[in-house]
Amino acid sequence: MEKTTLPNGKLIYVLAILSCTLFCFGGIAILFALISYILAKKSEKIYKQNPSAYSNIKKIKKGKIIAIIGLILNLIIVGITIWTLATVGWDAWSDEFVRRWNEGLQSNGR
């Protein structure tokens, strides 16, 4: 019997990697991590029904582990953002951003 690959193997892996590399954008990549994790869980359920029929379970498990790491990184960034906005406040945070933006424009001669 020929072994086939589990569904969404490449997608799980790519989304997991994206969640780990794009976590610094305010935790938006948490969606990639969640989708990757959910798809990996579904693929593992399919694998458990007939383990001898599928060949790429290692890739699915790697993607799931990377998705968990991406989820943790994104949750940390979201937590830091919430903590910063709760302690400093939106007005002070945005004023500091605008001040540094203007300093950057002046130092570049614009």
PDB file of N, CA and C in Angstrom:
ATOM      1  N   MET A   1       0.841  -1.178   0.000  1.00  0.00           N
ATOM      2  CA  MET A   1       0.000   0.000   0.000  1.00  0.00           C
ATOM      3  C   MET A   1       0.888   1.243   0.000  1.00  0.00           C
ATOM      4  N   GLU A   2       0.568   2.163  -0.868  1.00  0.00           N
ATOM      5  CA  GLU A   2       1.350   3.379  -0.994  1.00  0.00           C
ATOM      6  C   GLU A   2       0.930   4.394   0.062  1.00  0.00           C
ATOM      7  N   LYS A   3       1.936   5.029   0.673  1.00  0.00           N
ATOM      8  CA  LYS A   3       1.640   6.029   1.693  1.00  0.00           C
ATOM      9  C   LYS A   3       1.371   7.376   1.045  1.00  0.00           C
ATOM     10  N   THR A   4       0.399   8.073   1.569  1.00  0.00           N
ATOM     11  CA  THR A   4       0.074   9.417   1.102  1.00  0.00           C
ATOM     12  C   THR A   4       0.462  10.422   2.164  1.00  0.00           C
ATOM     13  N   THR A   5       0.379  11.691   1.814  1.00  0.00           N
ATOM     14  CA  THR A   5       0.711  12.736   2.785  1.00  0.00           C
ATOM     15  C   THR A   5      -0.560  13.247   3.437  1.00  0.00           C
ATOM     16  N   LEU A   6      -0.397  13.688   4.655  1.00  0.00           N
ATOM     17  CA  LEU A   6      -1.521  14.276   5.385  1.00  0.00           C
ATOM     18  C   LEU A   6      -1.890  15.623   4.768  1.00  0.00           C
ATOM     19  N   PRO A   7      -3.152  15.998   4.851  1.00  0.00           N
ATOM     20  CA  PRO A   7      -3.554  17.279   4.258  1.00  0.00           C
ATOM     21  C   PRO A   7      -2.965  18.476   5.006  1.00  0.00           C
ATOM     22  N   ASN A   8      -2.688  19.527   4.271  1.00  0.00           N
ATOM     23  CA  ASN A   8      -2.237  20.828   4.807  1.00  0.00           C
ATOM     24  C   ASN A   8      -0.861  20.791   5.454  1.00  0.00           C
ATOM     25  N   GLY A   9      -0.026  19.836   5.120  1.00  0.00           N
ATOM     26  CA  GLY A   9       1.300  19.747   5.731  1.00  0.00           C
ATOM     27  C   GLY A   9       2.149  20.980   5.480  1.00  0.00           C
ATOM     28  N   LYS A  10       2.225  21.422   4.227  1.00  0.00           N
ATOM     29  CA  LYS A  10       3.023  22.599   3.890  1.00  0.00           C
ATOM     30  C   LYS A  10       2.408  23.862   4.479  1.00  0.00           C
ATOM     31  N   LEU A  11       1.088  23.954   4.436  1.00  0.00           N
ATOM     32  CA  LEU A  11       0.407  25.135   4.967  1.00  0.00           C
ATOM     33  C   LEU A  11       0.642  25.273   6.473  1.00  0.00           C
ATOM     34  N   ILE A  12       0.581  24.169   7.185  1.00  0.00           N
ATOM     35  CA  ILE A  12       0.827  24.193   8.633  1.00  0.00           C
ATOM     36  C   ILE A  12       2.226  24.711   8.912  1.00  0.00           C
ATOM     37  N   TYR A  13       3.187  24.193   8.188  1.00  0.00           N
ATOM     38  CA  TYR A  13       4.579  24.571   8.406  1.00  0.00           C
ATOM     39  C   TYR A  13       4.823  26.043   8.057  1.00  0.00           C
ATOM     40  N   VAL A  14       4.284  26.506   6.926  1.00  0.00           N
ATOM     41  CA  VAL A  14       4.486  27.893   6.498  1.00  0.00           C
ATOM     42  C   VAL A  14       3.818  28.865   7.468  1.00  0.00           C
ATOM     43  N   LEU A  15       2.586  28.588   7.868  1.00  0.00           N
ATOM     44  CA  LEU A  15       1.903  29.475   8.813  1.00  0.00           C
ATOM     45  C   LEU A  15       2.609  29.521  10.166  1.00  0.00           C
ATOM     46  N   ALA A  16       3.134  28.387  10.599  1.00  0.00           N
ATOM     47  CA  ALA A  16       3.858  28.354  11.866  1.00  0.00           C
ATOM     48  C   ALA A  16       5.128  29.205  11.792  1.00  0.00           C
ATOM     49  N   ILE A  17       5.864  29.086  10.696  1.00  0.00           N
ATOM     50  CA  ILE A  17       7.078  29.895  10.518  1.00  0.00           C
ATOM     51  C   ILE A  17       6.716  31.381  10.450  1.00  0.00           C
ATOM     52  N   LEU A  18       5.662  31.719   9.736  1.00  0.00           N
ATOM     53  CA  LEU A  18       5.231  33.121   9.659  1.00  0.00           C
ATOM     54  C   LEU A  18       4.845  33.669  11.026  1.00  0.00           C
ATOM     55  N   SER A  19       4.201  32.846  11.840  1.00  0.00           N
ATOM     56  CA  SER A  19       3.807  33.325  13.166  1.00  0.00           C
ATOM     57  C   SER A  19       5.025  33.618  14.036  1.00  0.00           C
ATOM     58  N   CYS A  20       6.102  32.877  13.826  1.00  0.00           N
ATOM     59  CA  CYS A  20       7.322  33.118  14.610  1.00  0.00           C
ATOM     60  C   CYS A  20       8.119  34.307  14.079  1.00  0.00           C
ATOM     61  N   THR A  21       8.051  34.548  12.787  1.00  0.00           N
ATOM     62  CA  THR A  21       8.839  35.644  12.229  1.00  0.00           C
ATOM     63  C   THR A  21       8.116  36.987  12.252  1.00  0.00           C
ATOM     64  N   LEU A  22       6.798  36.973  12.272  1.00  0.00           N
ATOM     65  CA  LEU A  22       6.034  38.218  12.234  1.00  0.00           C
ATOM     66  C   LEU A  22       5.423  38.596  13.579  1.00  0.00           C
ATOM     67  N   PHE A  23       5.889  37.987  14.661  1.00  0.00           N
ATOM     68  CA  PHE A  23       5.297  38.259  15.972  1.00  0.00           C
ATOM     69  C   PHE A  23       5.528  39.692  16.424  1.00  0.00           C
ATOM     70  N   CYS A  24       6.555  40.344  15.914  1.00  0.00           N
ATOM     71  CA  CYS A  24       6.887  41.691  16.376  1.00  0.00           C
ATOM     72  C   CYS A  24       5.912  42.754  15.871  1.00  0.00           C
ATOM     73  N   PHE A  25       4.979  42.391  15.005  1.00  0.00           N
ATOM     74  CA  PHE A  25       4.008  43.348  14.494  1.00  0.00           C
ATOM     75  C   PHE A  25       2.753  43.395  15.352  1.00  0.00           C
ATOM     76  N   GLY A  26       2.929  43.538  16.621  1.00  0.00           N
ATOM     77  CA  GLY A  26       1.817  43.746  17.541  1.00  0.00           C
ATOM     78  C   GLY A  26       0.969  42.519  17.821  1.00  0.00           C
ATOM     79  N   GLY A  27       1.472  41.361  17.550  1.00  0.00           N
ATOM     80  CA  GLY A  27       0.731  40.149  17.857  1.00  0.00           C
ATOM     81  C   GLY A  27      -0.305  39.769  16.823  1.00  0.00           C
ATOM     82  N   ILE A  28      -0.275  40.410  15.662  1.00  0.00           N
ATOM     83  CA  ILE A  28      -1.233  40.092  14.601  1.00  0.00           C
ATOM     84  C   ILE A  28      -1.029  38.659  14.104  1.00  0.00           C
ATOM     85  N   ALA A  29       0.201  38.189  14.132  1.00  0.00           N
ATOM     86  CA  ALA A  29       0.523  36.858  13.617  1.00  0.00           C
ATOM     87  C   ALA A  29      -0.004  35.737  14.512  1.00  0.00           C
ATOM     88  N   ILE A  30      -0.671  36.107  15.597  1.00  0.00           N
ATOM     89  CA  ILE A  30      -1.283  35.098  16.453  1.00  0.00           C
ATOM     90  C   ILE A  30      -2.325  34.298  15.658  1.00  0.00           C
ATOM     91  N   LEU A  31      -2.920  34.928  14.660  1.00  0.00           N
ATOM     92  CA  LEU A  31      -3.881  34.230  13.801  1.00  0.00           C
ATOM     93  C   LEU A  31      -3.201  33.115  13.014  1.00  0.00           C
ATOM     94  N   PHE A  32      -1.993  33.378  12.505  1.00  0.00           N
ATOM     95  CA  PHE A  32      -1.251  32.341  11.789  1.00  0.00           C
ATOM     96  C   PHE A  32      -0.953  31.159  12.709  1.00  0.00           C
ATOM     97  N   ALA A  33      -0.553  31.472  13.940  1.00  0.00           N
ATOM     98  CA  ALA A  33      -0.229  30.411  14.891  1.00  0.00           C
ATOM     99  C   ALA A  33      -1.461  29.580  15.234  1.00  0.00           C
ATOM    100  N   LEU A  34      -2.576  30.239  15.462  1.00  0.00           N
ATOM    101  CA  LEU A  34      -3.804  29.512  15.793  1.00  0.00           C
ATOM    102  C   LEU A  34      -4.287  28.634  14.635  1.00  0.00           C
ATOM    103  N   ILE A  35      -4.268  29.178  13.432  1.00  0.00           N
ATOM    104  CA  ILE A  35      -4.697  28.393  12.276  1.00  0.00           C
ATOM    105  C   ILE A  35      -3.782  27.190  12.082  1.00  0.00           C
ATOM    106  N   SER A  36      -2.484  27.411  12.202  1.00  0.00           N
ATOM    107  CA  SER A  36      -1.526  26.322  12.044  1.00  0.00           C
ATOM    108  C   SER A  36      -1.727  25.245  13.101  1.00  0.00           C
ATOM    109  N   TYR A  37      -1.945  25.654  14.325  1.00  0.00           N
ATOM    110  CA  TYR A  37      -2.145  24.695  15.415  1.00  0.00           C
ATOM    111  C   TYR A  37      -3.432  23.881  15.208  1.00  0.00           C
ATOM    112  N   ILE A  38      -4.497  24.548  14.824  1.00  0.00           N
ATOM    113  CA  ILE A  38      -5.771  23.855  14.608  1.00  0.00           C
ATOM    114  C   ILE A  38      -5.663  22.858  13.447  1.00  0.00           C
ATOM    115  N   LEU A  39      -5.031  23.278  12.347  1.00  0.00           N
ATOM    116  CA  LEU A  39      -4.852  22.371  11.225  1.00  0.00           C
ATOM    117  C   LEU A  39      -3.975  21.175  11.593  1.00  0.00           C
ATOM    118  N   ALA A  40      -2.956  21.416  12.419  1.00  0.00           N
ATOM    119  CA  ALA A  40      -2.080  20.316  12.854  1.00  0.00           C
ATOM    120  C   ALA A  40      -2.851  19.325  13.720  1.00  0.00           C
ATOM    121  N   LYS A  41      -3.698  19.831  14.601  1.00  0.00           N
ATOM    122  CA  LYS A  41      -4.510  18.933  15.436  1.00  0.00           C
ATOM    123  C   LYS A  41      -5.438  18.084  14.564  1.00  0.00           C
ATOM    124  N   LYS A  42      -6.042  18.689  13.546  1.00  0.00           N
ATOM    125  CA  LYS A  42      -6.923  17.944  12.647  1.00  0.00           C
ATOM    126  C   LYS A  42      -6.145  16.876  11.881  1.00  0.00           C
ATOM    127  N   SER A  43      -4.953  17.224  11.414  1.00  0.00           N
ATOM    128  CA  SER A  43      -4.142  16.251  10.689  1.00  0.00           C
ATOM    129  C   SER A  43      -3.695  15.108  11.596  1.00  0.00           C
ATOM    130  N   GLU A  44      -3.413  15.420  12.862  1.00  0.00           N
ATOM    131  CA  GLU A  44      -3.040  14.362  13.803  1.00  0.00           C
ATOM    132  C   GLU A  44      -4.210  13.415  14.054  1.00  0.00           C
ATOM    133  N   LYS A  45      -5.419  13.940  14.097  1.00  0.00           N
ATOM    134  CA  LYS A  45      -6.597  13.080  14.261  1.00  0.00           C
ATOM    135  C   LYS A  45      -6.752  12.141  13.068  1.00  0.00           C
ATOM    136  N   ILE A  46      -6.525  12.672  11.875  1.00  0.00           N
ATOM    137  CA  ILE A  46      -6.605  11.845  10.676  1.00  0.00           C
ATOM    138  C   ILE A  46      -5.528  10.760  10.718  1.00  0.00           C
ATOM    139  N   TYR A  47      -4.335  11.133  11.160  1.00  0.00           N
ATOM    140  CA  TYR A  47      -3.231  10.170  11.247  1.00  0.00           C
ATOM    141  C   TYR A  47      -3.543   9.055  12.240  1.00  0.00           C
ATOM    142  N   LYS A  48      -4.156   9.390  13.358  1.00  0.00           N
ATOM    143  CA  LYS A  48      -4.473   8.387  14.378  1.00  0.00           C
ATOM    144  C   LYS A  48      -5.480   7.353  13.876  1.00  0.00           C
ATOM    145  N   GLN A  49      -6.311   7.718  12.926  1.00  0.00           N
ATOM    146  CA  GLN A  49      -7.289   6.778  12.383  1.00  0.00           C
ATOM    147  C   GLN A  49      -6.618   5.684  11.560  1.00  0.00           C
ATOM    148  N   ASN A  50      -5.536   6.042  10.849  1.00  0.00           N
ATOM    149  CA  ASN A  50      -4.842   5.058  10.017  1.00  0.00           C
ATOM    150  C   ASN A  50      -3.364   5.445   9.904  1.00  0.00           C
ATOM    151  N   PRO A  51      -2.546   5.126  10.915  1.00  0.00           N
ATOM    152  CA  PRO A  51      -1.151   5.561  10.922  1.00  0.00           C
ATOM    153  C   PRO A  51      -0.297   5.000   9.777  1.00  0.00           C
ATOM    154  N   SER A  52      -0.627   3.835   9.298  1.00  0.00           N
ATOM    155  CA  SER A  52       0.210   3.230   8.260  1.00  0.00           C
ATOM    156  C   SER A  52      -0.022   3.831   6.874  1.00  0.00           C
ATOM    157  N   ALA A  53      -1.019   4.661   6.721  1.00  0.00           N
ATOM    158  CA  ALA A  53      -1.347   5.218   5.408  1.00  0.00           C
ATOM    159  C   ALA A  53      -0.676   6.553   5.114  1.00  0.00           C
ATOM    160  N   TYR A  54      -0.085   7.193   6.119  1.00  0.00           N
ATOM    161  CA  TYR A  54       0.448   8.540   5.929  1.00  0.00           C
ATOM    162  C   TYR A  54       1.934   8.589   6.247  1.00  0.00           C
ATOM    163  N   SER A  55       2.635   9.491   5.550  1.00  0.00           N
ATOM    164  CA  SER A  55       4.091   9.520   5.687  1.00  0.00           C
ATOM    165  C   SER A  55       4.668  10.810   6.254  1.00  0.00           C
ATOM    166  N   ASN A  56       3.916  11.886   6.338  1.00  0.00           N
ATOM    167  CA  ASN A  56       4.498  13.174   6.738  1.00  0.00           C
ATOM    168  C   ASN A  56       4.089  13.626   8.140  1.00  0.00           C
ATOM    169  N   ILE A  57       3.932  12.720   9.057  1.00  0.00           N
ATOM    170  CA  ILE A  57       3.531  13.101  10.419  1.00  0.00           C
ATOM    171  C   ILE A  57       4.624  13.903  11.125  1.00  0.00           C
ATOM    172  N   LYS A  58       5.881  13.656  10.788  1.00  0.00           N
ATOM    173  CA  LYS A  58       6.969  14.408  11.433  1.00  0.00           C
ATOM    174  C   LYS A  58       6.894  15.894  11.072  1.00  0.00           C
ATOM    175  N   LYS A  59       6.557  16.175   9.830  1.00  0.00           N
ATOM    176  CA  LYS A  59       6.414  17.572   9.403  1.00  0.00           C
ATOM    177  C   LYS A  59       5.244  18.236  10.116  1.00  0.00           C
ATOM    178  N   ILE A  60       4.173  17.509  10.295  1.00  0.00           N
ATOM    179  CA  ILE A  60       3.004  18.034  11.003  1.00  0.00           C
ATOM    180  C   ILE A  60       3.368  18.333  12.461  1.00  0.00           C
ATOM    181  N   LYS A  61       4.096  17.429  13.095  1.00  0.00           N
ATOM    182  CA  LYS A  61       4.475  17.639  14.504  1.00  0.00           C
ATOM    183  C   LYS A  61       5.441  18.815  14.647  1.00  0.00           C
ATOM    184  N   LYS A  62       6.386  18.952  13.705  1.00  0.00           N
ATOM    185  CA  LYS A  62       7.289  20.110  13.741  1.00  0.00           C
ATOM    186  C   LYS A  62       6.495  21.404  13.597  1.00  0.00           C
ATOM    187  N   GLY A  63       5.558  21.417  12.654  1.00  0.00           N
ATOM    188  CA  GLY A  63       4.727  22.600  12.452  1.00  0.00           C
ATOM    189  C   GLY A  63       3.912  22.939  13.683  1.00  0.00           C
ATOM    190  N   LYS A  64       3.423  21.911  14.364  1.00  0.00           N
ATOM    191  CA  LYS A  64       2.636  22.143  15.580  1.00  0.00           C
ATOM    192  C   LYS A  64       3.502  22.743  16.686  1.00  0.00           C
ATOM    193  N   ILE A  65       4.724  22.249  16.840  1.00  0.00           N
ATOM    194  CA  ILE A  65       5.636  22.782  17.860  1.00  0.00           C
ATOM    195  C   ILE A  65       6.008  24.223  17.535  1.00  0.00           C
ATOM    196  N   ILE A  66       6.301  24.498  16.268  1.00  0.00           N
ATOM    197  CA  ILE A  66       6.636  25.862  15.868  1.00  0.00           C
ATOM    198  C   ILE A  66       5.433  26.781  16.056  1.00  0.00           C
ATOM    199  N   ALA A  67       4.230  26.266  15.799  1.00  0.00           N
ATOM    200  CA  ALA A  67       3.015  27.067  16.008  1.00  0.00           C
ATOM    201  C   ALA A  67       2.835  27.410  17.488  1.00  0.00           C
ATOM    202  N   ILE A  68       3.150  26.475  18.370  1.00  0.00           N
ATOM    203  CA  ILE A  68       3.057  26.739  19.813  1.00  0.00           C
ATOM    204  C   ILE A  68       4.058  27.816  20.204  1.00  0.00           C
ATOM    205  N   ILE A  69       5.274  27.737  19.661  1.00  0.00           N
ATOM    206  CA  ILE A  69       6.287  28.762  19.939  1.00  0.00           C
ATOM    207  C   ILE A  69       5.808  30.115  19.423  1.00  0.00           C
ATOM    208  N   GLY A  70       5.253  30.148  18.218  1.00  0.00           N
ATOM    209  CA  GLY A  70       4.718  31.393  17.664  1.00  0.00           C
ATOM    210  C   GLY A  70       3.572  31.941  18.491  1.00  0.00           C
ATOM    211  N   LEU A  71       2.728  31.049  18.989  1.00  0.00           N
ATOM    212  CA  LEU A  71       1.616  31.466  19.841  1.00  0.00           C
ATOM    213  C   LEU A  71       2.132  32.112  21.125  1.00  0.00           C
ATOM    214  N   ILE A  72       3.144  31.508  21.722  1.00  0.00           N
ATOM    215  CA  ILE A  72       3.725  32.059  22.955  1.00  0.00           C
ATOM    216  C   ILE A  72       4.363  33.418  22.685  1.00  0.00           C
ATOM    217  N   LEU A  73       5.140  33.522  21.602  1.00  0.00           N
ATOM    218  CA  LEU A  73       5.773  34.810  21.266  1.00  0.00           C
ATOM    219  C   LEU A  73       4.730  35.905  21.038  1.00  0.00           C
ATOM    220  N   ASN A  74       3.674  35.573  20.318  1.00  0.00           N
ATOM    221  CA  ASN A  74       2.624  36.560  20.051  1.00  0.00           C
ATOM    222  C   ASN A  74       1.878  36.943  21.314  1.00  0.00           C
ATOM    223  N   LEU A  75       1.633  35.990  22.198  1.00  0.00           N
ATOM    224  CA  LEU A  75       0.961  36.308  23.459  1.00  0.00           C
ATOM    225  C   LEU A  75       1.832  37.208  24.330  1.00  0.00           C
ATOM    226  N   ILE A  76       3.139  36.986  24.299  1.00  0.00           N
ATOM    227  CA  ILE A  76       4.050  37.857  25.053  1.00  0.00           C
ATOM    228  C   ILE A  76       3.980  39.283  24.518  1.00  0.00           C
ATOM    229  N   ILE A  77       4.008  39.436  23.204  1.00  0.00           N
ATOM    230  CA  ILE A  77       3.940  40.776  22.604  1.00  0.00           C
ATOM    231  C   ILE A  77       2.611  41.453  22.912  1.00  0.00           C
ATOM    232  N   VAL A  78       1.523  40.718  22.821  1.00  0.00           N
ATOM    233  CA  VAL A  78       0.212  41.289  23.150  1.00  0.00           C
ATOM    234  C   VAL A  78       0.180  41.690  24.628  1.00  0.00           C
ATOM    235  N   GLY A  79       0.724  40.863  25.500  1.00  0.00           N
ATOM    236  CA  GLY A  79       0.781  41.186  26.929  1.00  0.00           C
ATOM    237  C   GLY A  79       1.601  42.427  27.205  1.00  0.00           C
ATOM    238  N   ILE A  80       2.762  42.539  26.558  1.00  0.00           N
ATOM    239  CA  ILE A  80       3.604  43.731  26.737  1.00  0.00           C
ATOM    240  C   ILE A  80       2.883  44.978  26.227  1.00  0.00           C
ATOM    241  N   THR A  81       2.206  44.856  25.108  1.00  0.00           N
ATOM    242  CA  THR A  81       1.466  45.995  24.557  1.00  0.00           C
ATOM    243  C   THR A  81       0.349  46.434  25.503  1.00  0.00           C
ATOM    244  N   ILE A  82      -0.407  45.485  26.002  1.00  0.00           N
ATOM    245  CA  ILE A  82      -1.485  45.820  26.947  1.00  0.00           C
ATOM    246  C   ILE A  82      -0.913  46.422  28.220  1.00  0.00           C
ATOM    247  N   TRP A  83       0.158  45.852  28.737  1.00  0.00           N
ATOM    248  CA  TRP A  83       0.780  46.375  29.957  1.00  0.00           C
ATOM    249  C   TRP A  83       1.299  47.794  29.730  1.00  0.00           C
ATOM    250  N   THR A  84       1.940  48.036  28.594  1.00  0.00           N
ATOM    251  CA  THR A  84       2.469  49.369  28.302  1.00  0.00           C
ATOM    252  C   THR A  84       1.348  50.393  28.183  1.00  0.00           C
ATOM    253  N   LEU A  85       0.300  50.028  27.467  1.00  0.00           N
ATOM    254  CA  LEU A  85      -0.812  50.969  27.317  1.00  0.00           C
ATOM    255  C   LEU A  85      -1.550  51.191  28.633  1.00  0.00           C
ATOM    256  N   ALA A  86      -1.589  50.180  29.503  1.00  0.00           N
ATOM    257  CA  ALA A  86      -2.262  50.333  30.796  1.00  0.00           C
ATOM    258  C   ALA A  86      -1.447  51.192  31.752  1.00  0.00           C
ATOM    259  N   THR A  87      -0.122  51.082  31.704  1.00  0.00           N
ATOM    260  CA  THR A  87       0.701  51.842  32.641  1.00  0.00           C
ATOM    261  C   THR A  87       1.017  53.243  32.137  1.00  0.00           C
ATOM    262  N   VAL A  88       1.346  53.367  30.880  1.00  0.00           N
ATOM    263  CA  VAL A  88       1.737  54.661  30.329  1.00  0.00           C
ATOM    264  C   VAL A  88       0.527  55.429  29.812  1.00  0.00           C
ATOM    265  N   GLY A  89      -0.368  54.728  29.178  1.00  0.00           N
ATOM    266  CA  GLY A  89      -1.545  55.370  28.596  1.00  0.00           C
ATOM    267  C   GLY A  89      -1.353  55.634  27.112  1.00  0.00           C
ATOM    268  N   TRP A  90      -2.454  55.664  26.394  1.00  0.00           N
ATOM    269  CA  TRP A  90      -2.400  55.841  24.947  1.00  0.00           C
ATOM    270  C   TRP A  90      -1.853  57.204  24.563  1.00  0.00           C
ATOM    271  N   ASP A  91      -2.250  58.257  25.279  1.00  0.00           N
ATOM    272  CA  ASP A  91      -1.820  59.604  24.916  1.00  0.00           C
ATOM    273  C   ASP A  91      -0.310  59.769  25.057  1.00  0.00           C
ATOM    274  N   ALA A  92       0.232  59.338  26.176  1.00  0.00           N
ATOM    275  CA  ALA A  92       1.674  59.457  26.385  1.00  0.00           C
ATOM    276  C   ALA A  92       2.433  58.588  25.389  1.00  0.00           C
ATOM    277  N   TRP A  93       1.908  57.418  25.098  1.00  0.00           N
ATOM    278  CA  TRP A  93       2.576  56.514  24.166  1.00  0.00           C
ATOM    279  C   TRP A  93       2.594  57.095  22.761  1.00  0.00           C
ATOM    280  N   SER A  94       1.461  57.654  22.325  1.00  0.00           N
ATOM    281  CA  SER A  94       1.400  58.226  20.976  1.00  0.00           C
ATOM    282  C   SER A  94       2.205  59.521  20.898  1.00  0.00           C
ATOM    283  N   ASP A  95       2.242  60.324  21.976  1.00  0.00           N
ATOM    284  CA  ASP A  95       3.066  61.534  21.986  1.00  0.00           C
ATOM    285  C   ASP A  95       4.540  61.195  21.839  1.00  0.00           C
ATOM    286  N   GLU A  96       4.992  60.149  22.525  1.00  0.00           N
ATOM    287  CA  GLU A  96       6.388  59.708  22.430  1.00  0.00           C
ATOM    288  C   GLU A  96       6.690  59.210  21.015  1.00  0.00           C
ATOM    289  N   PHE A  97       5.758  58.510  20.418  1.00  0.00           N
ATOM    290  CA  PHE A  97       5.945  58.027  19.049  1.00  0.00           C
ATOM    291  C   PHE A  97       6.094  59.189  18.079  1.00  0.00           C
ATOM    292  N   VAL A  98       5.224  60.187  18.203  1.00  0.00           N
ATOM    293  CA  VAL A  98       5.269  61.349  17.310  1.00  0.00           C
ATOM    294  C   VAL A  98       6.564  62.119  17.528  1.00  0.00           C
ATOM    295  N   ARG A  99       7.004  62.261  18.779  1.00  0.00           N
ATOM    296  CA  ARG A  99       8.248  62.978  19.067  1.00  0.00           C
ATOM    297  C   ARG A  99       9.426  62.274  18.404  1.00  0.00           C
ATOM    298  N   ARG A 100       9.506  60.963  18.539  1.00  0.00           N
ATOM    299  CA  ARG A 100      10.620  60.223  17.922  1.00  0.00           C
ATOM    300  C   ARG A 100      10.521  60.232  16.399  1.00  0.00           C
ATOM    301  N   TRP A 101       9.325  60.213  15.873  1.00  0.00           N
ATOM    302  CA  TRP A 101       9.140  60.286  14.427  1.00  0.00           C
ATOM    303  C   TRP A 101       9.684  61.610  13.893  1.00  0.00           C
ATOM    304  N   ASN A 102       9.335  62.699  14.583  1.00  0.00           N
ATOM    305  CA  ASN A 102       9.815  64.013  14.155  1.00  0.00           C
ATOM    306  C   ASN A 102      11.310  64.130  14.314  1.00  0.00           C
ATOM    307  N   GLU A 103      11.898  63.559  15.355  1.00  0.00           N
ATOM    308  CA  GLU A 103      13.353  63.571  15.510  1.00  0.00           C
ATOM    309  C   GLU A 103      14.020  62.834  14.355  1.00  0.00           C
ATOM    310  N   GLY A 104      13.441  61.733  13.958  1.00  0.00           N
ATOM    311  CA  GLY A 104      13.984  60.972  12.834  1.00  0.00           C
ATOM    312  C   GLY A 104      13.918  61.747  11.535  1.00  0.00           C
ATOM    313  N   LEU A 105      12.831  62.462  11.323  1.00  0.00           N
ATOM    314  CA  LEU A 105      12.707  63.281  10.116  1.00  0.00           C
ATOM    315  C   LEU A 105      13.726  64.411  10.097  1.00  0.00           C
ATOM    316  N   GLN A 106      13.942  65.033  11.271  1.00  0.00           N
ATOM    317  CA  GLN A 106      14.909  66.137  11.350  1.00  0.00           C
ATOM    318  C   GLN A 106      16.333  65.649  11.170  1.00  0.00           C
ATOM    319  N   SER A 107      16.660  64.485  11.721  1.00  0.00           N
ATOM    320  CA  SER A 107      18.034  63.988  11.610  1.00  0.00           C
ATOM    321  C   SER A 107      18.349  63.500  10.197  1.00  0.00           C
ATOM    322  N   ASN A 108      17.331  63.169   9.414  1.00  0.00           N
ATOM    323  CA  ASN A 108      17.548  62.745   8.032  1.00  0.00           C
ATOM    324  C   ASN A 108      17.476  63.909   7.051  1.00  0.00           C
ATOM    325  N   GLY A 109      17.285  65.117   7.560  1.00  0.00           N
ATOM    326  CA  GLY A 109      17.290  66.308   6.729  1.00  0.00           C
ATOM    327  C   GLY A 109      16.015  66.558   5.966  1.00  0.00           C
ATOM    328  N   ARG A 110      14.920  66.047   6.409  1.00  0.00           N
ATOM    329  CA  ARG A 110      13.643  66.270   5.713  1.00  0.00           C
ATOM    330  C   ARG A 110      12.852  67.359   6.355  1.00  0.00           C
TER     331      ARG A 110
END
